[in-house]
Amino acid sequence: MEATANTENVQQQETKWYVLRVVSGKEKKVKEYLDKEVSRGGWDQVKQVFLPVEKVYKVANGKKVMRERNYYPGYVMIEIANGKLSDDLKDIIKNTTNVIHFLGKEDPIALRKAEVNKMLGKMDEMAESGGVSMVEPFIVGETIKIIEGPFNDFNGVIEEVNDEKKKLKV
């Protein structure tokens, strides 16, 4: 039992994360394409393709809309088993549409453990808190126009902001 747990721990330590620089705005398409290639079974080295996103509220056309925003715009993370990126796989990924290059260009640089833990920890923290934030925060003392409900078309001054409940006292 200890031998299998020890083997799994060694395998976990051998994975390395590499960063791909991609065309901004095309991160999701690149991730979908790479995921599709991994699921076809051609790339045994790739453990996962990771695109960190956060959910944000934005007011558009008078309505509050929830959108997903890339946490690192222009970058996609790839976890490679055994910590070694083969030349064939490196060339295939580099020649993928909308991929600019690996971080480190000709000689890809793996992320340090501290950087990976920080990135994954931040994603876990956002998932626990619901991962939602306001893009345009409200400020106490700001004058606003109410656009919905019984006080529609009234103006008010913000007295209190409750971020946790996403409510204002006007």
Protein backbone atom coordinates (compact mmCIF):
# COMPACT_ATOMS: atom_id res chain seq x y z
CA MET A 1 0.00 0.00 0.00
CA GLU A 2 2.82 2.43 0.85
CA ALA A 3 4.65 1.60 -2.38
CA THR A 4 1.70 2.65 -4.57
CA ALA A 5 1.17 5.86 -2.60
CA ASN A 6 4.90 6.62 -2.88
CA THR A 7 4.85 5.93 -6.65
CA GLU A 8 1.86 8.26 -7.11
CA ASN A 9 3.66 10.95 -5.12
CA VAL A 10 6.77 10.61 -7.33
CA GLN A 11 4.62 10.84 -10.48
CA GLN A 12 2.90 13.92 -9.10
CA GLN A 13 6.25 15.59 -8.43
CA GLU A 14 7.49 14.90 -11.97
CA THR A 15 4.77 16.90 -13.71
CA LYS A 16 5.75 20.35 -14.90
CA TRP A 17 3.69 23.27 -16.09
CA TYR A 18 4.55 25.14 -19.28
CA VAL A 19 3.01 28.40 -20.45
CA LEU A 20 1.83 29.01 -24.01
CA ARG A 21 1.63 32.55 -25.36
CA VAL A 22 -1.48 32.73 -27.56
CA VAL A 23 -3.33 35.39 -29.52
CA SER A 24 -5.34 37.45 -27.01
CA GLY A 25 -9.03 36.60 -27.21
CA LYS A 26 -8.37 33.14 -28.70
CA GLU A 27 -7.39 31.41 -25.44
CA LYS A 28 -10.63 29.42 -25.22
CA LYS A 29 -10.34 28.16 -28.83
CA VAL A 30 -6.72 27.07 -28.29
CA LYS A 31 -7.69 25.25 -25.08
CA GLU A 32 -10.60 23.47 -26.81
CA TYR A 33 -8.36 22.40 -29.70
CA LEU A 34 -5.60 21.10 -27.41
CA ASP A 35 -8.15 19.30 -25.21
CA LYS A 36 -9.58 17.64 -28.31
CA GLU A 37 -6.12 16.46 -29.39
CA VAL A 38 -5.38 15.10 -25.89
CA SER A 39 -8.73 13.23 -25.78
CA ARG A 40 -7.98 11.59 -29.15
CA GLY A 41 -5.14 9.85 -27.35
CA GLY A 42 -2.23 11.10 -29.40
CA TRP A 43 -0.55 13.04 -26.61
CA ASP A 44 0.18 10.85 -23.59
CA GLN A 45 2.55 13.42 -22.09
CA VAL A 46 -0.10 16.13 -21.65
CA LYS A 47 -1.97 15.72 -18.37
CA GLN A 48 -4.17 18.80 -18.70
CA VAL A 49 -4.64 22.10 -20.48
CA PHE A 50 -5.59 24.86 -18.05
CA LEU A 51 -7.15 28.25 -18.71
CA PRO A 52 -7.83 30.15 -15.47
CA VAL A 53 -11.03 32.22 -15.65
CA GLU A 54 -13.02 34.28 -13.16
CA LYS A 55 -16.68 35.20 -13.26
CA VAL A 56 -17.39 38.93 -13.16
CA TYR A 57 -20.54 41.02 -13.19
CA LYS A 58 -20.75 43.90 -15.62
CA VAL A 59 -23.59 46.29 -16.33
CA ALA A 60 -24.45 46.23 -20.04
CA ASN A 61 -27.53 47.93 -21.52
CA GLY A 62 -28.90 48.54 -18.04
CA LYS A 63 -28.76 44.85 -17.09
CA LYS A 64 -26.31 43.09 -14.82
CA VAL A 65 -24.58 40.40 -16.90
CA MET A 66 -22.21 37.71 -15.66
CA ARG A 67 -19.20 37.06 -17.90
CA GLU A 68 -16.13 34.87 -17.71
CA ARG A 69 -12.87 36.79 -17.88
CA ASN A 70 -9.45 35.24 -18.42
CA TYR A 71 -7.30 35.58 -15.35
CA TYR A 72 -4.14 35.62 -17.47
CA PRO A 73 -5.13 37.09 -20.88
CA GLY A 74 -3.01 35.76 -23.73
CA TYR A 75 -1.75 32.68 -21.85
CA VAL A 76 -2.72 29.00 -21.62
CA MET A 77 -1.07 26.60 -19.15
CA ILE A 78 -0.18 22.99 -20.00
CA GLU A 79 0.73 20.30 -17.47
CA ILE A 80 3.23 17.78 -18.86
CA ALA A 81 3.83 14.35 -17.30
CA ASN A 82 7.41 13.28 -16.50
CA GLY A 83 8.44 16.95 -16.68
CA LYS A 84 9.96 16.50 -20.16
CA LEU A 85 8.46 18.14 -23.23
CA SER A 86 9.38 16.15 -26.35
CA ASP A 87 10.54 18.03 -29.45
CA ASP A 88 7.72 16.53 -31.57
CA LEU A 89 5.03 17.65 -29.13
CA LYS A 90 6.66 21.07 -28.76
CA ASP A 91 6.62 21.58 -32.55
CA ILE A 92 3.01 20.38 -32.92
CA ILE A 93 1.80 22.73 -30.18
CA LYS A 94 3.86 25.68 -31.50
CA ASN A 95 2.39 25.22 -34.99
CA THR A 96 -1.19 25.21 -33.71
CA THR A 97 -3.36 28.06 -34.99
CA ASN A 98 -3.39 31.14 -32.70
CA VAL A 99 -0.38 29.91 -30.69
CA ILE A 100 2.50 32.40 -30.73
CA HIS A 101 5.18 30.49 -28.78
CA PHE A 102 6.05 28.86 -25.48
CA LEU A 103 7.27 31.06 -22.66
CA GLY A 104 11.02 30.85 -23.21
CA LYS A 105 10.53 30.67 -27.01
CA GLU A 106 12.94 28.04 -28.41
CA ASP A 107 13.74 26.49 -25.03
CA PRO A 108 10.44 26.36 -23.06
CA ILE A 109 10.76 27.21 -19.38
CA ALA A 110 8.70 25.28 -16.83
CA LEU A 111 6.94 27.20 -14.05
CA ARG A 112 8.42 26.93 -10.57
CA LYS A 113 6.44 25.03 -7.90
CA ALA A 114 5.74 28.27 -6.02
CA GLU A 115 4.24 29.86 -9.15
CA VAL A 116 2.06 26.81 -9.85
CA ASN A 117 0.85 26.65 -6.24
CA LYS A 118 0.05 30.37 -6.30
CA MET A 119 -1.90 30.05 -9.56
CA LEU A 120 -3.84 26.93 -8.50
CA GLY A 121 -4.39 28.32 -5.00
CA LYS A 122 -5.87 31.53 -6.41
CA MET A 123 -8.24 29.49 -8.60
CA ASP A 124 -9.33 27.37 -5.59
CA GLU A 125 -9.89 30.54 -3.55
CA MET A 126 -12.06 32.03 -6.31
CA ALA A 127 -14.07 28.79 -6.64
CA GLU A 128 -14.76 28.74 -2.88
CA SER A 129 -15.94 32.35 -2.81
CA GLY A 130 -18.15 31.77 -5.84
CA GLY A 131 -15.53 33.32 -8.11
CA VAL A 132 -17.64 36.40 -8.76
CA SER A 133 -16.51 40.01 -8.52
CA MET A 134 -17.78 43.34 -9.75
CA VAL A 135 -15.83 44.87 -12.61
CA GLU A 136 -17.13 48.36 -11.80
CA PRO A 137 -17.43 48.62 -8.00
CA PHE A 138 -19.87 51.00 -6.34
CA ILE A 139 -18.56 53.73 -4.05
CA VAL A 140 -20.29 55.16 -0.95
CA GLY A 141 -21.54 58.69 -1.72
CA GLU A 142 -21.88 58.00 -5.45
CA THR A 143 -25.15 59.12 -7.12
CA ILE A 144 -26.92 56.41 -9.09
CA LYS A 145 -30.11 56.06 -11.12
CA ILE A 146 -32.39 53.16 -10.20
CA ILE A 147 -33.44 51.30 -13.34
CA GLU A 148 -35.63 48.52 -11.97
CA GLY A 149 -38.29 47.87 -9.36
CA PRO A 150 -40.79 50.12 -7.58
CA PHE A 151 -38.34 53.07 -7.45
CA ASN A 152 -37.64 52.94 -11.20
CA ASP A 153 -36.26 56.24 -12.64
CA PHE A 154 -35.41 57.65 -9.20
CA ASN A 155 -31.94 58.94 -8.35
CA GLY A 156 -30.23 58.00 -5.09
CA VAL A 157 -27.00 58.31 -3.15
CA ILE A 158 -25.23 55.10 -2.07
CA GLU A 159 -25.04 54.89 1.73
CA GLU A 160 -23.71 51.35 2.13
CA VAL A 161 -22.17 48.67 -0.13
CA ASN A 162 -22.49 44.97 0.79
CA ASP A 163 -20.17 43.06 -1.59
CA GLU A 164 -20.93 39.65 -0.07
CA LYS A 165 -24.67 39.90 -0.73
CA LYS A 166 -24.24 42.10 -3.84
CA LYS A 167 -26.58 44.73 -2.39
CA LEU A 168 -26.57 48.51 -2.00
CA LYS A 169 -28.33 50.72 0.55
CA VAL A 170 -29.48 53.85 -1.28
